[in-house]
Amino acid sequence: MKQVLHQIFTFVMAILVLASTISWTVDKHFCMGRIMDISFFAHAEDCGMEAAIALMDDENIQNPCCEDESFTIKGQNDLKLSWSDLDLDHQFFLVAFAQSYIELFVPLDQLPVPNEKYPPPILVKDIHVLDQVFLI
């Protein structure tokens, strides 16, 4: 369950970053005050009223009922952070955190054994037999 929630959260964050960095252009076509078409990233199709007026071959007729409206929402352009943007304390923290995080993934066969150079003590007498302490 935890893994599924993690994947869902990751996907939502990716979509959020994508939506905030892209510039959005919304184009609307109104005919007689009603929205006939809405389009993202492209030009909205008209209702056909302009084509009908063009076929009438009368240059005096204007089309007051149709209008187009579009607006653009600018996305973020300054997503690149540089190392010099951070304070010295933050730089120290990031270096220490990265080093300790990378050390978590050292394979077990390469971990140092702290007492591998010291021989075990020489047992002169078996203390368990002398004290008669046995695990049953």
Protein backbone atom coordinates (compact mmCIF):
# COMPACT_ATOMS: atom_id res chain seq x y z
CA MET A 1 0.00 0.00 0.00
CA LYS A 2 2.85 2.36 0.88
CA GLN A 3 4.53 1.72 -2.47
CA VAL A 4 1.30 2.44 -4.38
CA LEU A 5 0.79 5.73 -2.51
CA HIS A 6 4.41 6.66 -3.21
CA GLN A 7 3.94 6.04 -6.94
CA ILE A 8 0.69 8.05 -7.01
CA PHE A 9 2.34 10.94 -5.15
CA THR A 10 5.31 10.85 -7.53
CA PHE A 11 3.03 10.94 -10.57
CA VAL A 12 0.99 13.85 -9.19
CA MET A 13 4.15 15.84 -8.43
CA ALA A 14 5.49 15.20 -11.95
CA ILE A 15 2.22 16.44 -13.49
CA LEU A 16 2.29 19.50 -11.21
CA VAL A 17 5.84 20.39 -12.27
CA LEU A 18 4.94 19.87 -15.93
CA ALA A 19 1.80 22.01 -15.67
CA SER A 20 3.62 24.85 -13.90
CA THR A 21 6.52 25.04 -16.35
CA ILE A 22 4.56 25.01 -19.62
CA SER A 23 3.08 28.20 -21.03
CA TRP A 24 -0.64 27.77 -21.62
CA THR A 25 -2.58 29.52 -24.39
CA VAL A 26 -6.36 29.33 -24.22
CA ASP A 27 -8.36 30.45 -27.27
CA LYS A 28 -12.16 30.89 -27.15
CA HIS A 29 -14.67 31.54 -29.91
CA PHE A 30 -17.91 33.30 -28.94
CA CYS A 31 -20.99 33.41 -31.14
CA MET A 32 -23.88 35.56 -29.96
CA GLY A 33 -22.43 35.65 -26.45
CA ARG A 34 -22.12 31.87 -26.11
CA ILE A 35 -18.90 29.93 -26.13
CA MET A 36 -18.81 27.76 -29.22
CA ASP A 37 -15.25 26.37 -28.97
CA ILE A 38 -12.38 26.36 -26.48
CA SER A 39 -8.91 25.30 -27.51
CA PHE A 40 -5.64 24.88 -25.63
CA PHE A 41 -2.35 25.50 -27.49
CA ALA A 42 -4.09 26.14 -30.86
CA HIS A 43 -6.63 28.40 -32.57
CA ALA A 44 -10.29 27.73 -31.71
CA GLU A 45 -12.49 26.77 -34.63
CA ASP A 46 -15.14 29.28 -35.62
CA CYS A 47 -18.85 28.57 -35.82
CA GLY A 48 -19.07 28.98 -39.59
CA MET A 49 -20.73 32.40 -39.51
CA GLU A 50 -17.76 34.09 -41.21
CA ALA A 51 -17.86 31.58 -44.05
CA ALA A 52 -21.60 32.15 -44.53
CA ILE A 53 -21.13 35.94 -44.69
CA ALA A 54 -18.23 35.55 -47.12
CA LEU A 55 -20.46 33.53 -49.47
CA MET A 56 -23.06 36.33 -49.59
CA ASP A 57 -20.60 38.53 -51.57
CA ASP A 58 -21.79 41.65 -49.76
CA GLU A 59 -18.94 43.76 -48.41
CA ASN A 60 -21.23 45.97 -46.30
CA ILE A 61 -22.29 43.17 -43.98
CA GLN A 62 -20.22 42.99 -40.80
CA ASN A 63 -20.21 40.06 -38.37
CA PRO A 64 -20.97 41.63 -34.99
CA CYS A 65 -22.09 38.41 -33.32
CA CYS A 66 -18.78 36.50 -33.45
CA GLU A 67 -15.62 37.30 -31.54
CA ASP A 68 -12.42 35.51 -30.59
CA GLU A 69 -10.68 35.82 -27.26
CA SER A 70 -7.34 34.35 -26.25
CA PHE A 71 -5.03 34.66 -23.28
CA THR A 72 -1.66 33.19 -22.39
CA ILE A 73 -0.42 32.06 -19.00
CA LYS A 74 3.35 32.19 -18.86
CA GLY A 75 5.18 29.26 -17.30
CA GLN A 76 8.29 29.32 -15.17
CA ASN A 77 11.56 29.80 -16.98
CA ASP A 78 13.97 30.07 -14.05
CA LEU A 79 14.11 26.46 -12.83
CA LYS A 80 17.89 26.09 -12.87
CA LEU A 81 19.47 26.53 -9.48
CA SER A 82 23.17 27.08 -9.18
CA TRP A 83 25.46 26.14 -6.34
CA SER A 84 26.24 29.81 -5.66
CA ASP A 85 22.54 30.56 -5.01
CA LEU A 86 22.75 28.62 -1.73
CA ASP A 87 24.13 29.91 1.55
CA LEU A 88 27.32 28.39 2.94
CA ASP A 89 25.35 26.58 5.67
CA HIS A 90 23.04 25.02 3.09
CA GLN A 91 26.01 23.94 0.98
CA PHE A 92 27.62 22.22 3.98
CA PHE A 93 24.34 20.49 4.81
CA LEU A 94 23.82 19.24 1.25
CA VAL A 95 27.36 17.88 1.00
CA ALA A 96 27.08 16.10 4.37
CA PHE A 97 23.63 14.73 3.56
CA ALA A 98 24.71 13.46 0.14
CA GLN A 99 27.82 11.80 1.57
CA SER A 100 25.89 10.05 4.36
CA TYR A 101 23.14 8.98 1.92
CA ILE A 102 25.63 7.49 -0.54
CA GLU A 103 27.34 5.58 2.30
CA LEU A 104 24.06 3.74 2.95
CA PHE A 105 24.44 1.85 -0.31
CA VAL A 106 27.92 0.39 0.25
CA PRO A 107 27.73 -3.38 -0.36
CA LEU A 108 28.00 -5.56 2.75
CA ASP A 109 31.12 -7.41 1.56
CA GLN A 110 33.03 -4.12 1.42
CA LEU A 111 32.13 -2.85 4.88
CA PRO A 112 35.19 -2.68 7.13
CA VAL A 113 35.46 -5.17 9.99
CA PRO A 114 36.75 -3.18 12.97
CA ASN A 115 38.65 -6.03 14.69
CA GLU A 116 39.87 -8.15 11.80
CA LYS A 117 43.56 -7.42 12.52
CA TYR A 118 43.39 -8.59 16.14
CA PRO A 119 43.53 -12.32 16.96
CA PRO A 120 40.92 -13.79 19.29
CA PRO A 121 41.96 -14.40 22.89
CA ILE A 122 43.58 -17.76 23.71
CA LEU A 123 41.28 -19.83 25.89
CA VAL A 124 43.18 -21.65 28.60
CA LYS A 125 40.18 -23.23 30.28
CA ASP A 126 36.59 -23.65 29.19
CA ILE A 127 34.75 -21.32 31.56
CA HIS A 128 31.29 -22.79 30.83
CA VAL A 129 32.39 -26.25 31.95
CA LEU A 130 34.21 -24.91 35.00
CA ASP A 131 31.20 -22.92 36.18
CA GLN A 132 28.77 -25.59 34.93
CA VAL A 133 26.64 -23.05 33.05
CA PHE A 134 24.90 -24.68 30.09
CA LEU A 135 22.21 -23.50 27.70
CA ILE A 136 19.35 -25.97 27.71
